Amino acid sequence: MMCTNDISMTAPENIECELRAFVTDEEFAALADRLGREAAVLGEDDQVTYYFDGNGDPDLRIQRNASGGKIWYKGGKMHDEARREIEIPFGPGETFARLEELFTALGYRVSIKWFRKRRTFRFGDITVTLDDTRGYGKIVEFERLCAPERREEALADLKRAMAGFGIEPSPKEEFDRRYAEYRANWRALLGTDG
């Protein structure tokens, strides 16, 4: 099976390979400028994402964006470089609120809410996103979906691409630490009670 960047619906055997880095405001602006010149601009999106806890599922989410949204599950450990991913897209409308209601009725609870502005680019066969997540920070992500047997090759390609932009992936431990801090304080950081 060939690698694919079609992230609208991934088959269960697909692996999401991604490398991420926290960046400063200046680095974020410089990346946006360079990607705008050198990559295909795929668009901007305002996203709302809810992470759920419960029933032993460590990474179950729903997301709403301008075109609708998706339910998605990521297997493996949070912030791993390669994880199994299952996505189910849905169209615009009231689906997001109904899904929140459904998951709550099934025993899940919202553990985190994210509000981010995402810019997406295609750089060769790599999807590059610039995320500005309120209360969390600015992140660049280089991603490619591929078959399990192509994982190491995909990760090596992503590392080379990031290095070409002068970006070093942030350590998993930094993402884990900052995620734990956000998870413990997201309501205060966003100025909301839920």
N, C-alpha and C. Protein backbone atom coordinates (compact mmCIF):
# COMPACT_ATOMS: atom_id res chain seq x y z
N MET A 1 0.86 -1.18 0.00
CA MET A 1 0.00 0.00 0.00
C MET A 1 0.89 1.23 0.00
N MET A 2 0.54 2.21 -0.76
CA MET A 2 1.30 3.46 -0.84
C MET A 2 0.89 4.39 0.30
N CYS A 3 1.80 5.29 0.65
CA CYS A 3 1.46 6.32 1.63
C CYS A 3 0.43 7.25 1.02
N THR A 4 -0.40 7.83 1.85
CA THR A 4 -1.41 8.76 1.37
C THR A 4 -1.49 9.93 2.32
N ASN A 5 -1.91 11.05 1.81
CA ASN A 5 -2.13 12.22 2.66
C ASN A 5 -3.61 12.53 2.78
N ASP A 6 -4.49 11.64 2.32
CA ASP A 6 -5.92 11.86 2.43
C ASP A 6 -6.33 11.66 3.87
N ILE A 7 -6.41 12.76 4.62
CA ILE A 7 -6.71 12.63 6.05
C ILE A 7 -8.19 12.78 6.34
N SER A 8 -9.03 12.81 5.29
CA SER A 8 -10.45 12.96 5.54
C SER A 8 -11.06 11.66 6.05
N MET A 9 -10.50 10.52 5.64
CA MET A 9 -11.01 9.23 6.11
C MET A 9 -9.87 8.25 6.00
N THR A 10 -9.38 7.77 7.12
CA THR A 10 -8.24 6.88 7.08
C THR A 10 -8.69 5.46 7.34
N ALA A 11 -8.10 4.52 6.62
CA ALA A 11 -8.40 3.11 6.82
C ALA A 11 -7.74 2.65 8.12
N PRO A 12 -8.30 1.62 8.78
CA PRO A 12 -7.76 1.18 10.05
C PRO A 12 -6.28 0.79 9.99
N GLU A 13 -5.79 0.32 8.83
CA GLU A 13 -4.40 -0.08 8.76
C GLU A 13 -3.44 1.09 8.55
N ASN A 14 -3.95 2.29 8.35
CA ASN A 14 -3.08 3.44 8.11
C ASN A 14 -2.46 3.94 9.41
N ILE A 15 -1.23 4.38 9.27
CA ILE A 15 -0.48 4.92 10.39
C ILE A 15 -0.26 6.41 10.13
N GLU A 16 -0.56 7.23 11.12
CA GLU A 16 -0.29 8.65 11.03
C GLU A 16 1.10 8.90 11.59
N CYS A 17 2.01 9.32 10.70
CA CYS A 17 3.36 9.69 11.13
C CYS A 17 3.41 11.20 11.20
N GLU A 18 3.81 11.73 12.33
CA GLU A 18 3.85 13.18 12.48
C GLU A 18 4.97 13.58 13.42
N LEU A 19 5.58 14.69 13.08
CA LEU A 19 6.58 15.32 13.93
C LEU A 19 6.10 16.74 14.20
N ARG A 20 6.23 17.18 15.46
CA ARG A 20 5.72 18.48 15.87
C ARG A 20 6.78 19.25 16.62
N ALA A 21 6.61 20.55 16.61
CA ALA A 21 7.51 21.40 17.39
C ALA A 21 6.74 22.62 17.88
N PHE A 22 6.97 22.98 19.13
CA PHE A 22 6.50 24.27 19.62
C PHE A 22 7.38 25.33 18.98
N VAL A 23 6.79 26.43 18.55
CA VAL A 23 7.55 27.50 17.93
C VAL A 23 7.17 28.84 18.56
N THR A 24 8.09 29.80 18.45
CA THR A 24 7.83 31.15 18.95
C THR A 24 6.92 31.89 17.98
N ASP A 25 6.43 33.04 18.41
CA ASP A 25 5.61 33.87 17.52
C ASP A 25 6.39 34.23 16.25
N GLU A 26 7.67 34.56 16.41
CA GLU A 26 8.50 34.95 15.26
C GLU A 26 8.70 33.78 14.31
N GLU A 27 9.00 32.59 14.85
CA GLU A 27 9.17 31.39 14.01
C GLU A 27 7.87 31.05 13.29
N PHE A 28 6.75 31.19 13.99
CA PHE A 28 5.44 30.90 13.42
C PHE A 28 5.18 31.80 12.21
N ALA A 29 5.43 33.10 12.39
CA ALA A 29 5.22 34.06 11.29
C ALA A 29 6.15 33.76 10.12
N ALA A 30 7.42 33.44 10.40
CA ALA A 30 8.37 33.14 9.32
C ALA A 30 7.97 31.86 8.58
N LEU A 31 7.51 30.85 9.31
CA LEU A 31 7.05 29.61 8.66
C LEU A 31 5.82 29.88 7.79
N ALA A 32 4.89 30.67 8.29
CA ALA A 32 3.69 30.99 7.51
C ALA A 32 4.07 31.70 6.22
N ASP A 33 5.02 32.62 6.31
CA ASP A 33 5.47 33.35 5.13
C ASP A 33 6.14 32.42 4.13
N ARG A 34 7.07 31.61 4.60
CA ARG A 34 7.80 30.72 3.69
C ARG A 34 6.89 29.66 3.09
N LEU A 35 6.04 29.05 3.89
CA LEU A 35 5.12 28.05 3.36
C LEU A 35 4.15 28.68 2.36
N GLY A 36 3.74 29.90 2.61
CA GLY A 36 2.87 30.60 1.67
C GLY A 36 3.51 30.79 0.31
N ARG A 37 4.83 30.89 0.27
CA ARG A 37 5.56 31.06 -0.99
C ARG A 37 5.95 29.73 -1.63
N GLU A 38 6.31 28.73 -0.81
CA GLU A 38 6.92 27.51 -1.33
C GLU A 38 6.02 26.28 -1.33
N ALA A 39 4.89 26.35 -0.69
CA ALA A 39 4.01 25.19 -0.59
C ALA A 39 2.63 25.54 -1.14
N ALA A 40 1.84 24.51 -1.39
CA ALA A 40 0.44 24.73 -1.79
C ALA A 40 -0.35 25.08 -0.54
N VAL A 41 -1.05 26.19 -0.59
CA VAL A 41 -1.88 26.61 0.55
C VAL A 41 -3.21 25.87 0.45
N LEU A 42 -3.51 25.06 1.45
CA LEU A 42 -4.75 24.28 1.45
C LEU A 42 -5.88 24.97 2.20
N GLY A 43 -5.55 25.96 3.01
CA GLY A 43 -6.60 26.72 3.67
C GLY A 43 -6.36 26.98 5.14
N GLU A 44 -7.31 27.72 5.70
CA GLU A 44 -7.33 28.04 7.14
C GLU A 44 -8.63 27.53 7.71
N ASP A 45 -8.58 27.21 8.99
CA ASP A 45 -9.77 26.67 9.63
C ASP A 45 -9.75 27.02 11.11
N ASP A 46 -10.90 27.35 11.64
CA ASP A 46 -11.07 27.49 13.09
C ASP A 46 -11.68 26.18 13.58
N GLN A 47 -11.03 25.56 14.54
CA GLN A 47 -11.45 24.25 15.02
C GLN A 47 -11.76 24.28 16.51
N VAL A 48 -12.78 23.51 16.87
CA VAL A 48 -13.11 23.24 18.26
C VAL A 48 -13.02 21.73 18.42
N THR A 49 -12.20 21.27 19.36
CA THR A 49 -12.00 19.84 19.56
C THR A 49 -12.25 19.51 21.02
N TYR A 50 -13.03 18.44 21.24
CA TYR A 50 -13.26 17.93 22.58
C TYR A 50 -12.59 16.56 22.68
N TYR A 51 -11.76 16.38 23.71
CA TYR A 51 -11.18 15.09 24.04
C TYR A 51 -12.07 14.45 25.10
N PHE A 52 -12.27 13.14 25.00
CA PHE A 52 -13.11 12.43 25.95
C PHE A 52 -12.30 11.42 26.75
N ASP A 53 -12.67 11.27 28.02
CA ASP A 53 -12.15 10.22 28.90
C ASP A 53 -13.29 9.27 29.18
N GLY A 54 -12.95 8.01 29.38
CA GLY A 54 -13.95 7.04 29.81
C GLY A 54 -13.84 5.75 29.01
N ASN A 55 -14.34 4.69 29.61
CA ASN A 55 -14.38 3.38 28.96
C ASN A 55 -13.03 2.91 28.47
N GLY A 56 -11.94 3.40 29.07
CA GLY A 56 -10.61 2.93 28.71
C GLY A 56 -10.07 3.47 27.40
N ASP A 57 -10.78 4.36 26.73
CA ASP A 57 -10.30 4.92 25.46
C ASP A 57 -9.47 6.17 25.75
N PRO A 58 -8.15 6.10 25.51
CA PRO A 58 -7.29 7.21 25.88
C PRO A 58 -7.33 8.40 24.92
N ASP A 59 -7.78 8.22 23.70
CA ASP A 59 -7.70 9.32 22.75
C ASP A 59 -8.87 9.29 21.77
N LEU A 60 -10.04 9.59 22.28
CA LEU A 60 -11.25 9.69 21.49
C LEU A 60 -11.64 11.16 21.45
N ARG A 61 -11.91 11.68 20.24
CA ARG A 61 -12.17 13.11 20.09
C ARG A 61 -13.32 13.35 19.11
N ILE A 62 -13.93 14.52 19.26
CA ILE A 62 -14.80 15.05 18.21
C ILE A 62 -14.30 16.45 17.90
N GLN A 63 -14.48 16.83 16.65
CA GLN A 63 -14.00 18.15 16.23
C GLN A 63 -15.03 18.79 15.31
N ARG A 64 -15.21 20.09 15.51
CA ARG A 64 -16.07 20.89 14.63
C ARG A 64 -15.17 21.90 13.94
N ASN A 65 -15.42 22.08 12.62
CA ASN A 65 -14.70 23.09 11.87
C ASN A 65 -15.65 23.69 10.84
N ALA A 66 -15.13 24.49 9.95
CA ALA A 66 -15.98 25.21 9.00
C ALA A 66 -16.76 24.29 8.07
N SER A 67 -16.20 23.12 7.74
CA SER A 67 -16.86 22.23 6.77
C SER A 67 -17.69 21.14 7.42
N GLY A 68 -17.68 21.03 8.71
CA GLY A 68 -18.40 19.98 9.41
C GLY A 68 -17.61 19.53 10.61
N GLY A 69 -17.00 18.36 10.49
CA GLY A 69 -16.17 17.88 11.57
C GLY A 69 -15.85 16.42 11.43
N LYS A 70 -15.39 15.82 12.53
CA LYS A 70 -15.05 14.42 12.51
C LYS A 70 -15.03 13.87 13.93
N ILE A 71 -15.23 12.57 14.00
CA ILE A 71 -14.98 11.78 15.19
C ILE A 71 -13.65 11.11 14.89
N TRP A 72 -12.75 11.09 15.85
CA TRP A 72 -11.56 10.31 15.59
C TRP A 72 -10.95 9.73 16.82
N TYR A 73 -10.28 8.60 16.56
CA TYR A 73 -9.61 7.82 17.59
C TYR A 73 -8.16 7.64 17.16
N LYS A 74 -7.26 7.82 18.10
CA LYS A 74 -5.85 7.56 17.84
C LYS A 74 -5.39 6.50 18.83
N GLY A 75 -4.89 5.38 18.30
CA GLY A 75 -4.36 4.32 19.14
C GLY A 75 -2.94 4.65 19.57
N GLY A 76 -2.43 3.91 20.51
CA GLY A 76 -1.07 4.15 20.98
C GLY A 76 -1.06 5.24 22.04
N LYS A 77 0.13 5.75 22.30
CA LYS A 77 0.28 6.74 23.36
C LYS A 77 0.29 8.15 22.79
N MET A 78 -0.29 9.06 23.54
CA MET A 78 -0.33 10.47 23.18
C MET A 78 1.08 10.95 22.87
N HIS A 79 1.21 11.69 21.78
CA HIS A 79 2.45 12.32 21.32
C HIS A 79 3.48 11.35 20.76
N ASP A 80 3.11 10.08 20.51
CA ASP A 80 4.02 9.19 19.80
C ASP A 80 4.16 9.69 18.36
N GLU A 81 5.28 9.37 17.73
CA GLU A 81 5.53 9.82 16.36
C GLU A 81 4.67 9.11 15.34
N ALA A 82 4.23 7.89 15.62
CA ALA A 82 3.40 7.12 14.69
C ALA A 82 2.32 6.40 15.47
N ARG A 83 1.06 6.58 15.03
CA ARG A 83 -0.08 6.00 15.74
C ARG A 83 -1.13 5.56 14.74
N ARG A 84 -1.87 4.53 15.11
CA ARG A 84 -3.02 4.13 14.32
C ARG A 84 -4.08 5.20 14.46
N GLU A 85 -4.77 5.50 13.36
CA GLU A 85 -5.76 6.56 13.39
C GLU A 85 -7.01 6.12 12.63
N ILE A 86 -8.16 6.38 13.23
CA ILE A 86 -9.46 6.13 12.59
C ILE A 86 -10.23 7.44 12.63
N GLU A 87 -10.69 7.90 11.47
CA GLU A 87 -11.47 9.14 11.39
C GLU A 87 -12.80 8.86 10.70
N ILE A 88 -13.84 9.51 11.21
CA ILE A 88 -15.16 9.44 10.59
C ILE A 88 -15.66 10.87 10.43
N PRO A 89 -15.66 11.38 9.18
CA PRO A 89 -16.09 12.76 8.97
C PRO A 89 -17.62 12.89 9.02
N PHE A 90 -18.08 14.10 9.32
CA PHE A 90 -19.50 14.42 9.25
C PHE A 90 -19.66 15.83 8.72
N GLY A 91 -20.82 16.11 8.17
CA GLY A 91 -21.09 17.41 7.57
C GLY A 91 -21.48 18.45 8.59
N PRO A 92 -21.70 19.69 8.12
CA PRO A 92 -22.10 20.77 9.03
C PRO A 92 -23.49 20.53 9.60
N GLY A 93 -23.78 21.23 10.64
CA GLY A 93 -25.09 21.11 11.27
C GLY A 93 -24.95 20.90 12.75
N GLU A 94 -25.89 20.21 13.32
CA GLU A 94 -25.93 20.02 14.77
C GLU A 94 -25.27 18.74 15.22
N THR A 95 -24.56 18.06 14.33
CA THR A 95 -23.95 16.77 14.65
C THR A 95 -22.99 16.86 15.83
N PHE A 96 -22.18 17.90 15.89
CA PHE A 96 -21.18 18.02 16.95
C PHE A 96 -21.85 17.98 18.33
N ALA A 97 -22.87 18.78 18.53
CA ALA A 97 -23.56 18.81 19.82
C ALA A 97 -24.22 17.46 20.12
N ARG A 98 -24.76 16.82 19.10
CA ARG A 98 -25.39 15.51 19.29
C ARG A 98 -24.36 14.45 19.65
N LEU A 99 -23.17 14.54 19.04
CA LEU A 99 -22.11 13.59 19.37
C LEU A 99 -21.64 13.78 20.81
N GLU A 100 -21.50 15.02 21.23
CA GLU A 100 -21.13 15.26 22.63
C GLU A 100 -22.17 14.64 23.55
N GLU A 101 -23.43 14.83 23.22
CA GLU A 101 -24.52 14.26 24.02
C GLU A 101 -24.45 12.73 24.02
N LEU A 102 -24.19 12.13 22.85
CA LEU A 102 -24.10 10.67 22.75
C LEU A 102 -22.95 10.12 23.59
N PHE A 103 -21.76 10.70 23.43
CA PHE A 103 -20.60 10.19 24.18
C PHE A 103 -20.79 10.36 25.68
N THR A 104 -21.41 11.45 26.09
CA THR A 104 -21.70 11.66 27.52
C THR A 104 -22.66 10.59 28.02
N ALA A 105 -23.69 10.28 27.23
CA ALA A 105 -24.65 9.24 27.61
C ALA A 105 -23.99 7.86 27.69
N LEU A 106 -22.94 7.64 26.91
CA LEU A 106 -22.22 6.37 26.93
C LEU A 106 -21.18 6.28 28.05
N GLY A 107 -21.07 7.32 28.86
CA GLY A 107 -20.16 7.28 29.99
C GLY A 107 -18.85 8.02 29.79
N TYR A 108 -18.70 8.68 28.66
CA TYR A 108 -17.50 9.48 28.43
C TYR A 108 -17.73 10.87 29.02
N ARG A 109 -16.62 11.53 29.36
CA ARG A 109 -16.74 12.90 29.82
C ARG A 109 -15.71 13.74 29.07
N VAL A 110 -16.05 15.00 28.83
CA VAL A 110 -15.11 15.90 28.17
C VAL A 110 -13.97 16.18 29.14
N SER A 111 -12.77 15.86 28.71
CA SER A 111 -11.61 16.08 29.57
C SER A 111 -10.85 17.34 29.18
N ILE A 112 -10.96 17.74 27.92
CA ILE A 112 -10.26 18.93 27.44
C ILE A 112 -11.06 19.51 26.27
N LYS A 113 -11.03 20.83 26.18
CA LYS A 113 -11.55 21.52 25.00
C LYS A 113 -10.42 22.35 24.41
N TRP A 114 -10.25 22.24 23.09
CA TRP A 114 -9.23 23.00 22.36
C TRP A 114 -9.92 23.96 21.41
N PHE A 115 -9.38 25.14 21.29
CA PHE A 115 -9.85 26.13 20.32
C PHE A 115 -8.62 26.60 19.55
N ARG A 116 -8.57 26.25 18.28
CA ARG A 116 -7.36 26.60 17.54
C ARG A 116 -7.67 27.08 16.14
N LYS A 117 -6.76 27.90 15.66
CA LYS A 117 -6.76 28.34 14.27
C LYS A 117 -5.67 27.54 13.58
N ARG A 118 -6.03 26.85 12.51
CA ARG A 118 -5.08 25.99 11.80
C ARG A 118 -4.93 26.48 10.37
N ARG A 119 -3.68 26.56 9.94
CA ARG A 119 -3.34 26.81 8.53
C ARG A 119 -2.71 25.54 8.00
N THR A 120 -3.18 25.08 6.83
CA THR A 120 -2.70 23.82 6.28
C THR A 120 -2.06 24.05 4.92
N PHE A 121 -0.92 23.37 4.72
CA PHE A 121 -0.15 23.48 3.49
C PHE A 121 0.23 22.09 3.00
N ARG A 122 0.47 21.97 1.71
CA ARG A 122 1.02 20.75 1.13
C ARG A 122 2.41 21.09 0.62
N PHE A 123 3.41 20.42 1.19
CA PHE A 123 4.80 20.62 0.80
C PHE A 123 5.29 19.30 0.23
N GLY A 124 5.27 19.16 -1.09
CA GLY A 124 5.55 17.87 -1.72
C GLY A 124 4.45 16.90 -1.33
N ASP A 125 4.83 15.78 -0.72
CA ASP A 125 3.82 14.80 -0.29
C ASP A 125 3.61 14.84 1.23
N ILE A 126 3.97 15.96 1.83
CA ILE A 126 3.84 16.14 3.28
C ILE A 126 2.81 17.22 3.57
N THR A 127 1.95 16.96 4.52
CA THR A 127 1.01 17.96 5.00
C THR A 127 1.67 18.70 6.16
N VAL A 128 1.72 20.02 6.07
CA VAL A 128 2.30 20.85 7.12
C VAL A 128 1.18 21.72 7.68
N THR A 129 1.03 21.71 9.00
CA THR A 129 0.03 22.57 9.63
C THR A 129 0.70 23.51 10.61
N LEU A 130 0.16 24.71 10.67
CA LEU A 130 0.54 25.70 11.68
C LEU A 130 -0.67 25.90 12.57
N ASP A 131 -0.53 25.55 13.82
CA ASP A 131 -1.64 25.63 14.78
C ASP A 131 -1.36 26.70 15.82
N ASP A 132 -2.35 27.54 16.04
CA ASP A 132 -2.31 28.53 17.12
C ASP A 132 -3.47 28.17 18.05
N THR A 133 -3.15 27.44 19.13
CA THR A 133 -4.17 26.93 20.03
C THR A 133 -4.24 27.82 21.26
N ARG A 134 -5.42 28.38 21.48
CA ARG A 134 -5.63 29.32 22.58
C ARG A 134 -5.28 28.66 23.92
N GLY A 135 -4.41 29.32 24.67
CA GLY A 135 -4.01 28.84 25.98
C GLY A 135 -2.95 27.76 25.98
N TYR A 136 -2.55 27.29 24.79
CA TYR A 136 -1.60 26.18 24.69
C TYR A 136 -0.32 26.58 23.98
N GLY A 137 -0.44 27.26 22.84
CA GLY A 137 0.75 27.71 22.15
C GLY A 137 0.68 27.51 20.65
N LYS A 138 1.80 27.82 20.02
CA LYS A 138 1.92 27.70 18.56
C LYS A 138 2.77 26.47 18.24
N ILE A 139 2.28 25.70 17.27
CA ILE A 139 2.91 24.43 16.92
C ILE A 139 2.96 24.30 15.40
N VAL A 140 4.07 23.75 14.90
CA VAL A 140 4.15 23.34 13.50
C VAL A 140 4.16 21.81 13.50
N GLU A 141 3.44 21.23 12.55
CA GLU A 141 3.37 19.77 12.46
C GLU A 141 3.61 19.35 11.02
N PHE A 142 4.48 18.37 10.83
CA PHE A 142 4.73 17.75 9.54
C PHE A 142 4.15 16.35 9.61
N GLU A 143 3.28 15.99 8.65
CA GLU A 143 2.53 14.74 8.75
C GLU A 143 2.46 14.02 7.41
N ARG A 144 2.46 12.70 7.51
CA ARG A 144 2.20 11.85 6.36
C ARG A 144 1.51 10.59 6.88
N LEU A 145 0.50 10.13 6.16
CA LEU A 145 -0.15 8.86 6.48
C LEU A 145 0.46 7.79 5.58
N CYS A 146 0.68 6.61 6.15
CA CYS A 146 1.26 5.54 5.35
C CYS A 146 0.88 4.19 5.93
N ALA A 147 1.22 3.14 5.18
CA ALA A 147 1.02 1.77 5.65
C ALA A 147 2.03 1.48 6.76
N PRO A 148 1.72 0.55 7.65
CA PRO A 148 2.62 0.26 8.77
C PRO A 148 4.05 -0.06 8.35
N GLU A 149 4.22 -0.78 7.26
CA GLU A 149 5.58 -1.15 6.85
C GLU A 149 6.39 0.01 6.29
N ARG A 150 5.78 1.17 6.08
CA ARG A 150 6.49 2.35 5.55
C ARG A 150 6.73 3.39 6.63
N ARG A 151 6.46 3.06 7.87
CA ARG A 151 6.54 4.00 8.98
C ARG A 151 7.92 4.65 9.12
N GLU A 152 8.97 3.85 9.18
CA GLU A 152 10.32 4.39 9.39
C GLU A 152 10.73 5.30 8.24
N GLU A 153 10.41 4.90 7.03
CA GLU A 153 10.72 5.72 5.85
C GLU A 153 9.99 7.07 5.93
N ALA A 154 8.71 7.03 6.29
CA ALA A 154 7.92 8.27 6.40
C ALA A 154 8.50 9.18 7.47
N LEU A 155 8.86 8.64 8.64
CA LEU A 155 9.42 9.46 9.71
C LEU A 155 10.75 10.08 9.30
N ALA A 156 11.58 9.32 8.58
CA ALA A 156 12.86 9.87 8.11
C ALA A 156 12.62 11.03 7.13
N ASP A 157 11.63 10.87 6.25
CA ASP A 157 11.29 11.96 5.31
C ASP A 157 10.81 13.20 6.05
N LEU A 158 10.00 13.00 7.08
CA LEU A 158 9.49 14.13 7.85
C LEU A 158 10.62 14.86 8.57
N LYS A 159 11.56 14.10 9.13
CA LYS A 159 12.70 14.71 9.83
C LYS A 159 13.54 15.55 8.87
N ARG A 160 13.77 15.03 7.65
CA ARG A 160 14.53 15.79 6.65
C ARG A 160 13.78 17.07 6.26
N ALA A 161 12.48 16.97 6.08
CA ALA A 161 11.70 18.14 5.69
C ALA A 161 11.73 19.21 6.79
N MET A 162 11.56 18.80 8.02
CA MET A 162 11.62 19.76 9.13
C MET A 162 12.98 20.43 9.20
N ALA A 163 14.05 19.64 9.06
CA ALA A 163 15.40 20.18 9.10
C ALA A 163 15.60 21.21 8.00
N GLY A 164 14.98 20.98 6.84
CA GLY A 164 15.06 21.93 5.74
C GLY A 164 14.44 23.28 6.07
N PHE A 165 13.56 23.31 7.06
CA PHE A 165 12.94 24.55 7.52
C PHE A 165 13.63 25.07 8.78
N GLY A 166 14.69 24.40 9.20
CA GLY A 166 15.41 24.83 10.39
C GLY A 166 14.67 24.54 11.68
N ILE A 167 13.80 23.55 11.64
CA ILE A 167 12.98 23.21 12.81
C ILE A 167 13.41 21.85 13.34
N GLU A 168 13.58 21.77 14.63
CA GLU A 168 13.89 20.53 15.32
C GLU A 168 12.61 20.08 16.04
N PRO A 169 12.21 18.80 15.90
CA PRO A 169 11.01 18.36 16.63
C PRO A 169 11.18 18.56 18.13
N SER A 170 10.12 19.02 18.78
CA SER A 170 10.14 19.14 20.24
C SER A 170 10.08 17.74 20.84
N PRO A 171 10.79 17.49 21.92
CA PRO A 171 10.76 16.15 22.54
C PRO A 171 9.36 15.78 23.01
N LYS A 172 9.06 14.50 22.93
CA LYS A 172 7.77 13.98 23.39
C LYS A 172 7.53 14.39 24.83
N GLU A 173 8.58 14.41 25.64
CA GLU A 173 8.44 14.78 27.05
C GLU A 173 7.93 16.21 27.21
N GLU A 174 8.36 17.11 26.32
CA GLU A 174 7.87 18.48 26.40
C GLU A 174 6.39 18.54 26.05
N PHE A 175 5.98 17.80 25.01
CA PHE A 175 4.56 17.76 24.68
C PHE A 175 3.76 17.14 25.82
N ASP A 176 4.26 16.06 26.39
CA ASP A 176 3.56 15.42 27.50
C ASP A 176 3.40 16.39 28.68
N ARG A 177 4.48 17.10 29.02
CA ARG A 177 4.44 18.05 30.14
C ARG A 177 3.45 19.18 29.87
N ARG A 178 3.54 19.78 28.68
CA ARG A 178 2.67 20.91 28.37
C ARG A 178 1.21 20.47 28.22
N TYR A 179 1.00 19.27 27.70
CA TYR A 179 -0.35 18.73 27.60
C TYR A 179 -0.93 18.53 29.01
N ALA A 180 -0.14 17.97 29.92
CA ALA A 180 -0.61 17.75 31.30
C ALA A 180 -0.94 19.09 31.96
N GLU A 181 -0.11 20.10 31.74
CA GLU A 181 -0.37 21.43 32.29
C GLU A 181 -1.67 22.01 31.71
N TYR A 182 -1.85 21.88 30.40
CA TYR A 182 -3.07 22.39 29.77
C TYR A 182 -4.28 21.63 30.30
N ARG A 183 -4.17 20.31 30.36
CA ARG A 183 -5.28 19.49 30.83
C ARG A 183 -5.72 19.88 32.23
N ALA A 184 -4.76 20.17 33.09
CA ALA A 184 -5.07 20.55 34.48
C ALA A 184 -5.64 21.96 34.57
N ASN A 185 -5.34 22.82 33.61
CA ASN A 185 -5.69 24.24 33.73
C ASN A 185 -6.48 24.82 32.57
N TRP A 186 -7.00 23.99 31.64
CA TRP A 186 -7.60 24.54 30.43
C TRP A 186 -8.78 25.46 30.72
N ARG A 187 -9.57 25.17 31.72
CA ARG A 187 -10.73 26.03 32.00
C ARG A 187 -10.26 27.45 32.39
N ALA A 188 -9.25 27.51 33.25
CA ALA A 188 -8.71 28.82 33.65
C ALA A 188 -8.02 29.51 32.48
N LEU A 189 -7.26 28.74 31.70
CA LEU A 189 -6.56 29.33 30.55
C LEU A 189 -7.52 29.90 29.52
N LEU A 190 -8.69 29.26 29.37
CA LEU A 190 -9.68 29.72 28.41
C LEU A 190 -10.70 30.67 29.02
N GLY A 191 -10.67 30.80 30.35
CA GLY A 191 -11.64 31.66 31.01
C GLY A 191 -13.06 31.13 30.94
N THR A 192 -13.19 29.80 31.13
CA THR A 192 -14.51 29.15 31.04
C THR A 192 -14.66 28.15 32.17
N ASP A 193 -15.89 27.81 32.48
CA ASP A 193 -16.13 26.79 33.50
C ASP A 193 -16.44 25.45 32.87
N GLY A 194 -16.35 25.35 31.56
CA GLY A 194 -16.58 24.04 30.95
C GLY A 194 -16.96 24.19 29.55
